[in-house]
């Protein structure tokens, strides 16, 4: 709830700076963006961590093979 509210406030403020229309559409876009980021960011971090571990295991395996 907090991230959605902050996203709506930030989106509305950014949209209101242009002065063309109301800040409601910017608030809606900000709220949607905040909710999408709440889902996407943990997935991206998990994927990057897993990739790093797999890459590290592959490099370690290569070093072990070279030393044997």
Protein backbone atom coordinates (compact mmCIF):
# COMPACT_ATOMS: atom_id res chain seq x y z
CA UNK A 1 0.00 0.00 0.00
CA UNK A 2 2.79 2.42 0.85
CA UNK A 3 4.71 1.94 -2.38
CA UNK A 4 1.53 2.38 -4.39
CA UNK A 5 0.72 5.62 -2.59
CA UNK A 6 4.23 6.97 -2.99
CA UNK A 7 4.22 5.98 -6.67
CA UNK A 8 0.92 7.77 -7.17
CA UNK A 9 2.19 10.90 -5.42
CA UNK A 10 5.43 10.99 -7.39
CA UNK A 11 3.68 10.26 -10.69
CA UNK A 12 1.09 12.92 -10.02
CA UNK A 13 3.74 15.48 -9.09
CA UNK A 14 5.79 14.76 -12.21
CA UNK A 15 2.71 14.94 -14.43
CA UNK A 16 1.54 18.17 -12.79
CA UNK A 17 4.85 19.87 -13.66
CA UNK A 18 3.95 19.83 -17.35
CA UNK A 19 0.76 21.77 -16.65
CA UNK A 20 -1.07 20.32 -19.66
CA UNK A 21 -3.80 18.42 -17.79
CA UNK A 22 -4.70 17.11 -14.37
CA UNK A 23 -2.28 15.04 -12.34
CA UNK A 24 -4.70 12.10 -12.15
CA UNK A 25 -3.30 10.22 -15.15
CA UNK A 26 0.25 10.65 -13.84
CA UNK A 27 -0.87 9.36 -10.45
CA UNK A 28 -2.42 6.31 -12.09
CA UNK A 29 0.72 5.61 -14.11
CA UNK A 30 2.87 6.06 -10.98
CA UNK A 31 0.72 3.66 -8.96
CA UNK A 32 0.80 1.01 -11.70
CA UNK A 33 4.57 1.42 -12.10
CA UNK A 34 5.10 0.99 -8.36
CA UNK A 35 3.06 -2.22 -8.32
CA UNK A 36 4.89 -3.62 -11.35
CA UNK A 37 8.25 -2.86 -9.78
CA UNK A 38 7.21 -4.63 -6.56
CA UNK A 39 6.82 -7.80 -8.62
CA UNK A 40 9.60 -7.42 -11.19
CA UNK A 41 12.52 -6.30 -9.01
CA UNK A 42 12.60 -9.40 -6.76
CA UNK A 43 12.45 -11.62 -9.85
CA UNK A 44 15.34 -9.75 -11.48
CA UNK A 45 17.46 -9.89 -8.32
CA UNK A 46 16.78 -13.61 -7.89
CA UNK A 47 17.67 -14.30 -11.52
CA UNK A 48 20.88 -12.28 -11.31
CA UNK A 49 21.93 -14.02 -8.09
CA UNK A 50 21.29 -17.44 -9.58
CA UNK A 51 23.20 -16.57 -12.73
CA UNK A 52 26.14 -15.36 -10.65
CA UNK A 53 26.22 -18.58 -8.65
CA UNK A 54 26.07 -20.73 -11.79
CA UNK A 55 28.82 -18.67 -13.42
CA UNK A 56 30.97 -18.98 -10.29
CA UNK A 57 30.47 -22.74 -10.14
CA UNK A 58 31.44 -23.04 -13.82
CA UNK A 59 34.64 -21.03 -13.29
CA UNK A 60 35.49 -23.05 -10.19
CA UNK A 61 34.93 -26.28 -12.10
CA UNK A 62 37.24 -25.10 -14.87
CA UNK A 63 39.97 -24.22 -12.35
CA UNK A 64 39.69 -27.63 -10.70
CA UNK A 65 39.97 -29.39 -14.07
CA UNK A 66 43.04 -27.34 -15.01
CA UNK A 67 44.83 -28.13 -11.75
CA UNK A 68 44.21 -31.88 -11.93
